[in-house]
Structure formats: structure tokens, C-alpha cells
Amino acid sequence: MKDSISGWYRNVIRNPKYRWWIIGGSLLYLLSPFDISPDFIPVVGWIDDGLIATLLIAELSTWALERLKGRKDEEPAQTADAASSGFTPDTKTVDVNAVSAE
């Protein structure tokens, strides 16, 4: 059963367009006075809060990692010398040691 729930979560809910709904809903649930299981029941009352907090942290860390990865993937600006010579960072160069043959 765990595989089916986690597979469903990974495929449907963990879509970037739903991320802010999950973050907002998690914060709302953690800050609201209403719980699925009341907190005055020892341990059992804290499990739902722990699961929601884990979900919130997972979504925030995924968002942060995607932002950092996006910054790393940005191309650096070309210098004036490189632009004037026609060299671009995407140009592939091959160094060849040529030897004359007789």
C-alpha cells in the first residue's frame, strides 16, 4: 500500500504547479487549532502534525534545490572579446597536433 500512495503522490501531487497549494495547506493545518487527532492524546496526537511538517519540509527543500539548480544552469554572460571573435561558450573546439607527412 505504501508504494501505491507514494507513487500516486510522486506522480500527481508532487507536480510543481501544486507545490504552493501543498505548502499553503500544510502551513494552514499546522497553524490551525483543528487537528485530525487532538494533540492532548500523547504521541498519537503528534503523529499527524509530524507527517504534515515532514511534507512541508520536503516540499520547501525540493523548491529550494530546484531554484539553486536553476541558478547553476544559467549561462554566464559573454565577454566583449569573446563576442567580437565569434566564439560562444557553446562552440566545441578540437586541439589537433598536426604533423607534416612527406
PDB file of N, CA and C in Angstrom:
ATOM      1  N   MET A   1       0.821  -1.187   0.000  1.00  0.00           N
ATOM      2  CA  MET A   1       0.000   0.000   0.000  1.00  0.00           C
ATOM      3  C   MET A   1       0.869   1.258   0.000  1.00  0.00           C
ATOM      4  N   LYS A   2       2.001   1.180   0.696  1.00  0.00           N
ATOM      5  CA  LYS A   2       2.877   2.344   0.763  1.00  0.00           C
ATOM      6  C   LYS A   2       3.363   2.744  -0.624  1.00  0.00           C
ATOM      7  N   ASP A   3       3.689   1.734  -1.452  1.00  0.00           N
ATOM      8  CA  ASP A   3       4.180   2.035  -2.795  1.00  0.00           C
ATOM      9  C   ASP A   3       3.112   2.713  -3.639  1.00  0.00           C
ATOM     10  N   SER A   4       1.871   2.318  -3.479  1.00  0.00           N
ATOM     11  CA  SER A   4       0.822   2.926  -4.279  1.00  0.00           C
ATOM     12  C   SER A   4       0.559   4.374  -3.848  1.00  0.00           C
ATOM     13  N   ILE A   5       0.590   4.636  -2.564  1.00  0.00           N
ATOM     14  CA  ILE A   5       0.361   6.002  -2.079  1.00  0.00           C
ATOM     15  C   ILE A   5       1.537   6.902  -2.460  1.00  0.00           C
ATOM     16  N   SER A   6       2.750   6.420  -2.247  1.00  0.00           N
ATOM     17  CA  SER A   6       3.907   7.253  -2.584  1.00  0.00           C
ATOM     18  C   SER A   6       4.018   7.441  -4.094  1.00  0.00           C
ATOM     19  N   GLY A   7       3.668   6.413  -4.869  1.00  0.00           N
ATOM     20  CA  GLY A   7       3.675   6.548  -6.328  1.00  0.00           C
ATOM     21  C   GLY A   7       2.649   7.565  -6.794  1.00  0.00           C
ATOM     22  N   TRP A   8       1.474   7.517  -6.211  1.00  0.00           N
ATOM     23  CA  TRP A   8       0.431   8.493  -6.544  1.00  0.00           C
ATOM     24  C   TRP A   8       0.890   9.900  -6.176  1.00  0.00           C
ATOM     25  N   TYR A   9       1.446  10.048  -4.974  1.00  0.00           N
ATOM     26  CA  TYR A   9       1.920  11.357  -4.528  1.00  0.00           C
ATOM     27  C   TYR A   9       2.999  11.876  -5.466  1.00  0.00           C
ATOM     28  N   ARG A  10       3.949  11.003  -5.815  1.00  0.00           N
ATOM     29  CA  ARG A  10       5.056  11.410  -6.664  1.00  0.00           C
ATOM     30  C   ARG A  10       4.577  11.821  -8.054  1.00  0.00           C
ATOM     31  N   ASN A  11       3.608  11.122  -8.599  1.00  0.00           N
ATOM     32  CA  ASN A  11       3.157  11.384  -9.962  1.00  0.00           C
ATOM     33  C   ASN A  11       2.140  12.508 -10.074  1.00  0.00           C
ATOM     34  N   VAL A  12       1.255  12.642  -9.104  1.00  0.00           N
ATOM     35  CA  VAL A  12       0.158  13.600  -9.233  1.00  0.00           C
ATOM     36  C   VAL A  12       0.389  14.856  -8.403  1.00  0.00           C
ATOM     37  N   ILE A  13       0.530  14.695  -7.126  1.00  0.00           N
ATOM     38  CA  ILE A  13       0.593  15.836  -6.218  1.00  0.00           C
ATOM     39  C   ILE A  13       1.943  16.539  -6.282  1.00  0.00           C
ATOM     40  N   ARG A  14       3.007  15.819  -6.498  1.00  0.00           N
ATOM     41  CA  ARG A  14       4.325  16.430  -6.452  1.00  0.00           C
ATOM     42  C   ARG A  14       4.659  17.164  -7.749  1.00  0.00           C
ATOM     43  N   ASN A  15       3.668  17.603  -8.419  1.00  0.00           N
ATOM     44  CA  ASN A  15       3.795  18.400  -9.625  1.00  0.00           C
ATOM     45  C   ASN A  15       4.083  19.843  -9.193  1.00  0.00           C
ATOM     46  N   PRO A  16       5.016  20.539  -9.851  1.00  0.00           N
ATOM     47  CA  PRO A  16       5.356  21.904  -9.420  1.00  0.00           C
ATOM     48  C   PRO A  16       4.167  22.866  -9.375  1.00  0.00           C
ATOM     49  N   LYS A  17       3.150  22.632 -10.198  1.00  0.00           N
ATOM     50  CA  LYS A  17       2.018  23.564 -10.170  1.00  0.00           C
ATOM     51  C   LYS A  17       1.170  23.405  -8.907  1.00  0.00           C
ATOM     52  N   TYR A  18       1.283  22.272  -8.217  1.00  0.00           N
ATOM     53  CA  TYR A  18       0.544  22.063  -6.967  1.00  0.00           C
ATOM     54  C   TYR A  18       1.380  22.372  -5.726  1.00  0.00           C
ATOM     55  N   ARG A  19       2.658  22.647  -5.927  1.00  0.00           N
ATOM     56  CA  ARG A  19       3.568  22.812  -4.791  1.00  0.00           C
ATOM     57  C   ARG A  19       3.099  23.898  -3.818  1.00  0.00           C
ATOM     58  N   TRP A  20       2.668  25.055  -4.326  1.00  0.00           N
ATOM     59  CA  TRP A  20       2.263  26.153  -3.431  1.00  0.00           C
ATOM     60  C   TRP A  20       0.976  25.799  -2.690  1.00  0.00           C
ATOM     61  N   TRP A  21       0.106  25.003  -3.302  1.00  0.00           N
ATOM     62  CA  TRP A  21      -1.097  24.548  -2.589  1.00  0.00           C
ATOM     63  C   TRP A  21      -0.714  23.638  -1.424  1.00  0.00           C
ATOM     64  N   ILE A  22       0.252  22.769  -1.629  1.00  0.00           N
ATOM     65  CA  ILE A  22       0.695  21.862  -0.569  1.00  0.00           C
ATOM     66  C   ILE A  22       1.379  22.646   0.545  1.00  0.00           C
ATOM     67  N   ILE A  23       2.226  23.593   0.182  1.00  0.00           N
ATOM     68  CA  ILE A  23       2.917  24.403   1.194  1.00  0.00           C
ATOM     69  C   ILE A  23       1.906  25.227   1.986  1.00  0.00           C
ATOM     70  N   GLY A  24       0.990  25.878   1.285  1.00  0.00           N
ATOM     71  CA  GLY A  24      -0.020  26.702   1.968  1.00  0.00           C
ATOM     72  C   GLY A  24      -0.946  25.865   2.833  1.00  0.00           C
ATOM     73  N   GLY A  25      -1.395  24.732   2.311  1.00  0.00           N
ATOM     74  CA  GLY A  25      -2.272  23.856   3.090  1.00  0.00           C
ATOM     75  C   GLY A  25      -1.578  23.281   4.313  1.00  0.00           C
ATOM     76  N   SER A  26      -0.312  22.943   4.165  1.00  0.00           N
ATOM     77  CA  SER A  26       0.459  22.419   5.301  1.00  0.00           C
ATOM     78  C   SER A  26       0.614  23.475   6.384  1.00  0.00           C
ATOM     79  N   LEU A  27       0.963  24.692   5.979  1.00  0.00           N
ATOM     80  CA  LEU A  27       1.099  25.771   6.964  1.00  0.00           C
ATOM     81  C   LEU A  27      -0.236  26.063   7.651  1.00  0.00           C
ATOM     82  N   LEU A  28      -1.306  26.084   6.865  1.00  0.00           N
ATOM     83  CA  LEU A  28      -2.637  26.328   7.429  1.00  0.00           C
ATOM     84  C   LEU A  28      -3.018  25.250   8.437  1.00  0.00           C
ATOM     85  N   TYR A  29      -2.750  23.994   8.099  1.00  0.00           N
ATOM     86  CA  TYR A  29      -3.073  22.890   9.002  1.00  0.00           C
ATOM     87  C   TYR A  29      -2.249  22.968  10.288  1.00  0.00           C
ATOM     88  N   LEU A  30      -0.950  23.252  10.157  1.00  0.00           N
ATOM     89  CA  LEU A  30      -0.090  23.300  11.339  1.00  0.00           C
ATOM     90  C   LEU A  30      -0.421  24.476  12.257  1.00  0.00           C
ATOM     91  N   LEU A  31      -0.894  25.578  11.672  1.00  0.00           N
ATOM     92  CA  LEU A  31      -1.205  26.758  12.475  1.00  0.00           C
ATOM     93  C   LEU A  31      -2.645  26.778  12.995  1.00  0.00           C
ATOM     94  N   SER A  32      -3.528  25.960  12.420  1.00  0.00           N
ATOM     95  CA  SER A  32      -4.931  25.980  12.842  1.00  0.00           C
ATOM     96  C   SER A  32      -5.111  25.183  14.137  1.00  0.00           C
ATOM     97  N   PRO A  33      -6.137  25.511  14.904  1.00  0.00           N
ATOM     98  CA  PRO A  33      -6.383  24.783  16.154  1.00  0.00           C
ATOM     99  C   PRO A  33      -7.057  23.425  15.916  1.00  0.00           C
ATOM    100  N   PHE A  34      -7.490  23.126  14.716  1.00  0.00           N
ATOM    101  CA  PHE A  34      -8.167  21.870  14.424  1.00  0.00           C
ATOM    102  C   PHE A  34      -7.167  20.832  13.927  1.00  0.00           C
ATOM    103  N   ASP A  35      -7.269  19.612  14.422  1.00  0.00           N
ATOM    104  CA  ASP A  35      -6.379  18.515  14.052  1.00  0.00           C
ATOM    105  C   ASP A  35      -7.199  17.279  13.715  1.00  0.00           C
ATOM    106  N   ILE A  36      -6.596  16.388  12.934  1.00  0.00           N
ATOM    107  CA  ILE A  36      -7.228  15.098  12.683  1.00  0.00           C
ATOM    108  C   ILE A  36      -7.257  14.297  13.979  1.00  0.00           C
ATOM    109  N   SER A  37      -6.142  14.276  14.682  1.00  0.00           N
ATOM    110  CA  SER A  37      -6.091  13.648  16.002  1.00  0.00           C
ATOM    111  C   SER A  37      -5.637  14.725  16.987  1.00  0.00           C
ATOM    112  N   PRO A  38      -6.406  14.936  18.048  1.00  0.00           N
ATOM    113  CA  PRO A  38      -6.084  16.017  19.001  1.00  0.00           C
ATOM    114  C   PRO A  38      -4.715  15.829  19.650  1.00  0.00           C
ATOM    115  N   ASP A  39      -4.058  16.944  19.904  1.00  0.00           N
ATOM    116  CA  ASP A  39      -2.707  16.900  20.469  1.00  0.00           C
ATOM    117  C   ASP A  39      -2.678  16.522  21.936  1.00  0.00           C
ATOM    118  N   PHE A  40      -3.819  16.533  22.629  1.00  0.00           N
ATOM    119  CA  PHE A  40      -3.781  16.162  24.042  1.00  0.00           C
ATOM    120  C   PHE A  40      -3.627  14.657  24.229  1.00  0.00           C
ATOM    121  N   ILE A  41      -3.796  13.872  23.175  1.00  0.00           N
ATOM    122  CA  ILE A  41      -3.526  12.437  23.243  1.00  0.00           C
ATOM    123  C   ILE A  41      -2.035  12.258  22.997  1.00  0.00           C
ATOM    124  N   PRO A  42      -1.292  11.723  23.969  1.00  0.00           N
ATOM    125  CA  PRO A  42       0.166  11.612  23.817  1.00  0.00           C
ATOM    126  C   PRO A  42       0.545  10.765  22.596  1.00  0.00           C
ATOM    127  N   VAL A  43       1.569  11.143  21.925  1.00  0.00           N
ATOM    128  CA  VAL A  43       2.194  10.513  20.766  1.00  0.00           C
ATOM    129  C   VAL A  43       1.255  10.464  19.558  1.00  0.00           C
ATOM    130  N   VAL A  44       0.066   9.890  19.698  1.00  0.00           N
ATOM    131  CA  VAL A  44      -0.865   9.771  18.576  1.00  0.00           C
ATOM    132  C   VAL A  44      -1.271  11.155  18.074  1.00  0.00           C
ATOM    133  N   GLY A  45      -1.439  12.090  18.954  1.00  0.00           N
ATOM    134  CA  GLY A  45      -1.819  13.437  18.573  1.00  0.00           C
ATOM    135  C   GLY A  45      -0.719  14.188  17.847  1.00  0.00           C
ATOM    136  N   TRP A  46       0.506  13.747  18.013  1.00  0.00           N
ATOM    137  CA  TRP A  46       1.630  14.435  17.376  1.00  0.00           C
ATOM    138  C   TRP A  46       1.998  13.819  16.029  1.00  0.00           C
ATOM    139  N   ILE A  47       1.520  12.605  15.764  1.00  0.00           N
ATOM    140  CA  ILE A  47       1.892  11.925  14.520  1.00  0.00           C
ATOM    141  C   ILE A  47       1.407  12.698  13.299  1.00  0.00           C
ATOM    142  N   ASP A  48       0.144  13.134  13.303  1.00  0.00           N
ATOM    143  CA  ASP A  48      -0.358  13.858  12.135  1.00  0.00           C
ATOM    144  C   ASP A  48       0.398  15.165  11.918  1.00  0.00           C
ATOM    145  N   ASP A  49       0.717  15.858  13.010  1.00  0.00           N
ATOM    146  CA  ASP A  49       1.494  17.090  12.876  1.00  0.00           C
ATOM    147  C   ASP A  49       2.891  16.811  12.327  1.00  0.00           C
ATOM    148  N   GLY A  50       3.486  15.708  12.780  1.00  0.00           N
ATOM    149  CA  GLY A  50       4.812  15.328  12.286  1.00  0.00           C
ATOM    150  C   GLY A  50       4.796  14.979  10.805  1.00  0.00           C
ATOM    151  N   LEU A  51       3.772  14.278  10.372  1.00  0.00           N
ATOM    152  CA  LEU A  51       3.657  13.931   8.952  1.00  0.00           C
ATOM    153  C   LEU A  51       3.464  15.173   8.082  1.00  0.00           C
ATOM    154  N   ILE A  52       2.623  16.078   8.528  1.00  0.00           N
ATOM    155  CA  ILE A  52       2.393  17.305   7.761  1.00  0.00           C
ATOM    156  C   ILE A  52       3.653  18.184   7.761  1.00  0.00           C
ATOM    157  N   ALA A  53       4.351  18.251   8.885  1.00  0.00           N
ATOM    158  CA  ALA A  53       5.588  19.030   8.943  1.00  0.00           C
ATOM    159  C   ALA A  53       6.648  18.419   8.018  1.00  0.00           C
ATOM    160  N   THR A  54       6.705  17.085   7.965  1.00  0.00           N
ATOM    161  CA  THR A  54       7.642  16.411   7.063  1.00  0.00           C
ATOM    162  C   THR A  54       7.301  16.725   5.612  1.00  0.00           C
ATOM    163  N   LEU A  55       6.034  16.699   5.274  1.00  0.00           N
ATOM    164  CA  LEU A  55       5.588  17.044   3.926  1.00  0.00           C
ATOM    165  C   LEU A  55       5.970  18.482   3.590  1.00  0.00           C
ATOM    166  N   LEU A  56       5.770  19.394   4.517  1.00  0.00           N
ATOM    167  CA  LEU A  56       6.115  20.798   4.309  1.00  0.00           C
ATOM    168  C   LEU A  56       7.614  20.972   4.076  1.00  0.00           C
ATOM    169  N   ILE A  57       8.426  20.340   4.893  1.00  0.00           N
ATOM    170  CA  ILE A  57       9.879  20.450   4.758  1.00  0.00           C
ATOM    171  C   ILE A  57      10.351  19.836   3.442  1.00  0.00           C
ATOM    172  N   ALA A  58       9.758  18.706   3.050  1.00  0.00           N
ATOM    173  CA  ALA A  58      10.133  18.068   1.786  1.00  0.00           C
ATOM    174  C   ALA A  58       9.812  18.976   0.599  1.00  0.00           C
ATOM    175  N   GLU A  59       8.656  19.599   0.603  1.00  0.00           N
ATOM    176  CA  GLU A  59       8.279  20.482  -0.499  1.00  0.00           C
ATOM    177  C   GLU A  59       9.157  21.726  -0.540  1.00  0.00           C
ATOM    178  N   LEU A  60       9.430  22.312   0.619  1.00  0.00           N
ATOM    179  CA  LEU A  60      10.285  23.508   0.649  1.00  0.00           C
ATOM    180  C   LEU A  60      11.709  23.186   0.215  1.00  0.00           C
ATOM    181  N   SER A  61      12.235  22.034   0.627  1.00  0.00           N
ATOM    182  CA  SER A  61      13.598  21.683   0.225  1.00  0.00           C
ATOM    183  C   SER A  61      13.662  21.367  -1.267  1.00  0.00           C
ATOM    184  N   THR A  62      12.636  20.725  -1.818  1.00  0.00           N
ATOM    185  CA  THR A  62      12.602  20.463  -3.256  1.00  0.00           C
ATOM    186  C   THR A  62      12.554  21.767  -4.031  1.00  0.00           C
ATOM    187  N   TRP A  63      11.739  22.700  -3.568  1.00  0.00           N
ATOM    188  CA  TRP A  63      11.641  24.014  -4.209  1.00  0.00           C
ATOM    189  C   TRP A  63      12.992  24.734  -4.167  1.00  0.00           C
ATOM    190  N   ALA A  64      13.648  24.707  -2.996  1.00  0.00           N
ATOM    191  CA  ALA A  64      14.939  25.384  -2.851  1.00  0.00           C
ATOM    192  C   ALA A  64      16.004  24.741  -3.746  1.00  0.00           C
ATOM    193  N   LEU A  65      16.028  23.413  -3.818  1.00  0.00           N
ATOM    194  CA  LEU A  65      17.006  22.737  -4.664  1.00  0.00           C
ATOM    195  C   LEU A  65      16.772  23.046  -6.140  1.00  0.00           C
ATOM    196  N   GLU A  66      15.528  23.113  -6.568  1.00  0.00           N
ATOM    197  CA  GLU A  66      15.236  23.461  -7.960  1.00  0.00           C
ATOM    198  C   GLU A  66      15.670  24.891  -8.268  1.00  0.00           C
ATOM    199  N   ARG A  67      15.482  25.797  -7.321  1.00  0.00           N
ATOM    200  CA  ARG A  67      15.926  27.187  -7.531  1.00  0.00           C
ATOM    201  C   ARG A  67      17.439  27.267  -7.648  1.00  0.00           C
ATOM    202  N   LEU A  68      18.151  26.539  -6.765  1.00  0.00           N
ATOM    203  CA  LEU A  68      19.613  26.543  -6.820  1.00  0.00           C
ATOM    204  C   LEU A  68      20.108  25.901  -8.109  1.00  0.00           C
ATOM    205  N   LYS A  69      19.469  24.826  -8.531  1.00  0.00           N
ATOM    206  CA  LYS A  69      19.854  24.165  -9.770  1.00  0.00           C
ATOM    207  C   LYS A  69      19.600  25.086 -10.956  1.00  0.00           C
ATOM    208  N   GLY A  70      18.520  25.846 -10.925  1.00  0.00           N
ATOM    209  CA  GLY A  70      18.220  26.790 -11.994  1.00  0.00           C
ATOM    210  C   GLY A  70      19.268  27.881 -12.097  1.00  0.00           C
ATOM    211  N   ARG A  71      19.779  28.332 -10.973  1.00  0.00           N
ATOM    212  CA  ARG A  71      20.832  29.355 -10.992  1.00  0.00           C
ATOM    213  C   ARG A  71      22.121  28.796 -11.558  1.00  0.00           C
ATOM    214  N   LYS A  72      22.417  27.558 -11.212  1.00  0.00           N
ATOM    215  CA  LYS A  72      23.652  26.945 -11.677  1.00  0.00           C
ATOM    216  C   LYS A  72      23.603  26.714 -13.185  1.00  0.00           C
ATOM    217  N   ASP A  73      22.425  26.421 -13.713  1.00  0.00           N
ATOM    218  CA  ASP A  73      22.282  26.138 -15.134  1.00  0.00           C
ATOM    219  C   ASP A  73      22.260  27.383 -16.008  1.00  0.00           C
ATOM    220  N   GLU A  74      22.129  28.564 -15.407  1.00  0.00           N
ATOM    221  CA  GLU A  74      22.116  29.792 -16.197  1.00  0.00           C
ATOM    222  C   GLU A  74      23.471  29.980 -16.876  1.00  0.00           C
ATOM    223  N   GLU A  75      23.434  30.442 -18.117  1.00  0.00           N
ATOM    224  CA  GLU A  75      24.683  30.639 -18.855  1.00  0.00           C
ATOM    225  C   GLU A  75      25.351  31.933 -18.414  1.00  0.00           C
ATOM    226  N   PRO A  76      26.663  31.925 -18.300  1.00  0.00           N
ATOM    227  CA  PRO A  76      27.362  33.160 -17.948  1.00  0.00           C
ATOM    228  C   PRO A  76      27.335  34.137 -19.114  1.00  0.00           C
ATOM    229  N   ALA A  77      27.407  35.407 -18.796  1.00  0.00           N
ATOM    230  CA  ALA A  77      27.403  36.441 -19.831  1.00  0.00           C
ATOM    231  C   ALA A  77      28.709  36.386 -20.613  1.00  0.00           C
ATOM    232  N   GLN A  78      28.613  36.632 -21.919  1.00  0.00           N
ATOM    233  CA  GLN A  78      29.810  36.619 -22.751  1.00  0.00           C
ATOM    234  C   GLN A  78      30.599  37.903 -22.546  1.00  0.00           C
ATOM    235  N   THR A  79      31.892  37.771 -22.661  1.00  0.00           N
ATOM    236  CA  THR A  79      32.732  38.966 -22.575  1.00  0.00           C
ATOM    237  C   THR A  79      32.767  39.638 -23.933  1.00  0.00           C
ATOM    238  N   ALA A  80      33.198  40.869 -23.983  1.00  0.00           N
ATOM    239  CA  ALA A  80      33.258  41.620 -25.242  1.00  0.00           C
ATOM    240  C   ALA A  80      34.244  40.964 -26.207  1.00  0.00           C
ATOM    241  N   ASP A  81      35.380  40.459 -25.714  1.00  0.00           N
ATOM    242  CA  ASP A  81      36.369  39.819 -26.586  1.00  0.00           C
ATOM    243  C   ASP A  81      35.799  38.559 -27.221  1.00  0.00           C
ATOM    244  N   ALA A  82      35.114  37.781 -26.449  1.00  0.00           N
ATOM    245  CA  ALA A  82      34.554  36.536 -26.964  1.00  0.00           C
ATOM    246  C   ALA A  82      33.461  36.826 -27.981  1.00  0.00           C
ATOM    247  N   ALA A  83      32.661  37.846 -27.748  1.00  0.00           N
ATOM    248  CA  ALA A  83      31.581  38.188 -28.671  1.00  0.00           C
ATOM    249  C   ALA A  83      32.131  38.715 -29.990  1.00  0.00           C
ATOM    250  N   SER A  84      33.209  39.493 -29.932  1.00  0.00           N
ATOM    251  CA  SER A  84      33.764  40.058 -31.163  1.00  0.00           C
ATOM    252  C   SER A  84      34.510  39.018 -31.983  1.00  0.00           C
ATOM    253  N   SER A  85      35.040  37.996 -31.353  1.00  0.00           N
ATOM    254  CA  SER A  85      35.790  36.976 -32.094  1.00  0.00           C
ATOM    255  C   SER A  85      34.883  35.898 -32.669  1.00  0.00           C
ATOM    256  N   GLY A  86      33.610  35.938 -32.333  1.00  0.00           N
ATOM    257  CA  GLY A  86      32.690  34.932 -32.842  1.00  0.00           C
ATOM    258  C   GLY A  86      32.661  33.678 -31.992  1.00  0.00           C
ATOM    259  N   PHE A  87      33.417  33.647 -30.920  1.00  0.00           N
ATOM    260  CA  PHE A  87      33.450  32.489 -30.025  1.00  0.00           C
ATOM    261  C   PHE A  87      32.264  32.554 -29.075  1.00  0.00           C
ATOM    262  N   THR A  88      31.569  31.476 -28.969  1.00  0.00           N
ATOM    263  CA  THR A  88      30.490  31.373 -27.990  1.00  0.00           C
ATOM    264  C   THR A  88      30.796  30.206 -27.072  1.00  0.00           C
ATOM    265  N   PRO A  89      30.255  30.198 -25.862  1.00  0.00           N
ATOM    266  CA  PRO A  89      30.529  29.091 -24.941  1.00  0.00           C
ATOM    267  C   PRO A  89      30.051  27.741 -25.488  1.00  0.00           C
ATOM    268  N   ASP A  90      29.128  27.753 -26.448  1.00  0.00           N
ATOM    269  CA  ASP A  90      28.619  26.507 -26.999  1.00  0.00           C
ATOM    270  C   ASP A  90      29.517  25.944 -28.095  1.00  0.00           C
ATOM    271  N   THR A  91      30.496  26.746 -28.562  1.00  0.00           N
ATOM    272  CA  THR A  91      31.375  26.298 -29.622  1.00  0.00           C
ATOM    273  C   THR A  91      32.272  25.191 -29.097  1.00  0.00           C
ATOM    274  N   LYS A  92      32.321  24.101 -29.848  1.00  0.00           N
ATOM    275  CA  LYS A  92      33.195  22.994 -29.454  1.00  0.00           C
ATOM    276  C   LYS A  92      34.512  23.142 -30.203  1.00  0.00           C
ATOM    277  N   THR A  93      35.597  23.061 -29.493  1.00  0.00           N
ATOM    278  CA  THR A  93      36.909  23.179 -30.124  1.00  0.00           C
ATOM    279  C   THR A  93      37.637  21.853 -30.010  1.00  0.00           C
ATOM    280  N   VAL A  94      38.472  21.588 -30.988  1.00  0.00           N
ATOM    281  CA  VAL A  94      39.279  20.373 -31.002  1.00  0.00           C
ATOM    282  C   VAL A  94      40.726  20.801 -31.225  1.00  0.00           C
ATOM    283  N   ASP A  95      41.596  20.386 -30.322  1.00  0.00           N
ATOM    284  CA  ASP A  95      43.010  20.667 -30.472  1.00  0.00           C
ATOM    285  C   ASP A  95      43.639  19.489 -31.214  1.00  0.00           C
ATOM    286  N   VAL A  96      44.352  19.819 -32.294  1.00  0.00           N
ATOM    287  CA  VAL A  96      44.967  18.764 -33.110  1.00  0.00           C
ATOM    288  C   VAL A  96      46.446  19.087 -33.229  1.00  0.00           C
ATOM    289  N   ASN A  97      47.289  18.120 -32.951  1.00  0.00           N
ATOM    290  CA  ASN A  97      48.726  18.274 -33.169  1.00  0.00           C
ATOM    291  C   ASN A  97      49.015  17.735 -34.565  1.00  0.00           C
ATOM    292  N   ALA A  98      49.141  18.643 -35.530  1.00  0.00           N
ATOM    293  CA  ALA A  98      49.350  18.228 -36.913  1.00  0.00           C
ATOM    294  C   ALA A  98      50.818  17.957 -37.167  1.00  0.00           C
ATOM    295  N   VAL A  99      51.074  16.943 -37.950  1.00  0.00           N
ATOM    296  CA  VAL A  99      52.442  16.569 -38.333  1.00  0.00           C
ATOM    297  C   VAL A  99      52.456  16.501 -39.850  1.00  0.00           C
ATOM    298  N   SER A 100      53.478  17.111 -40.441  1.00  0.00           N
ATOM    299  CA  SER A 100      53.547  17.064 -41.904  1.00  0.00           C
ATOM    300  C   SER A 100      54.060  15.709 -42.343  1.00  0.00           C
ATOM    301  N   ALA A 101      53.447  15.188 -43.372  1.00  0.00           N
ATOM    302  CA  ALA A 101      53.843  13.887 -43.906  1.00  0.00           C
ATOM    303  C   ALA A 101      54.482  14.090 -45.274  1.00  0.00           C
ATOM    304  N   GLU A 102      55.525  13.392 -45.564  1.00  0.00           N
ATOM    305  CA  GLU A 102      56.200  13.532 -46.849  1.00  0.00           C
ATOM    306  C   GLU A 102      56.039  12.317 -47.677  1.00  0.00           C
TER     307      GLU A 102
END
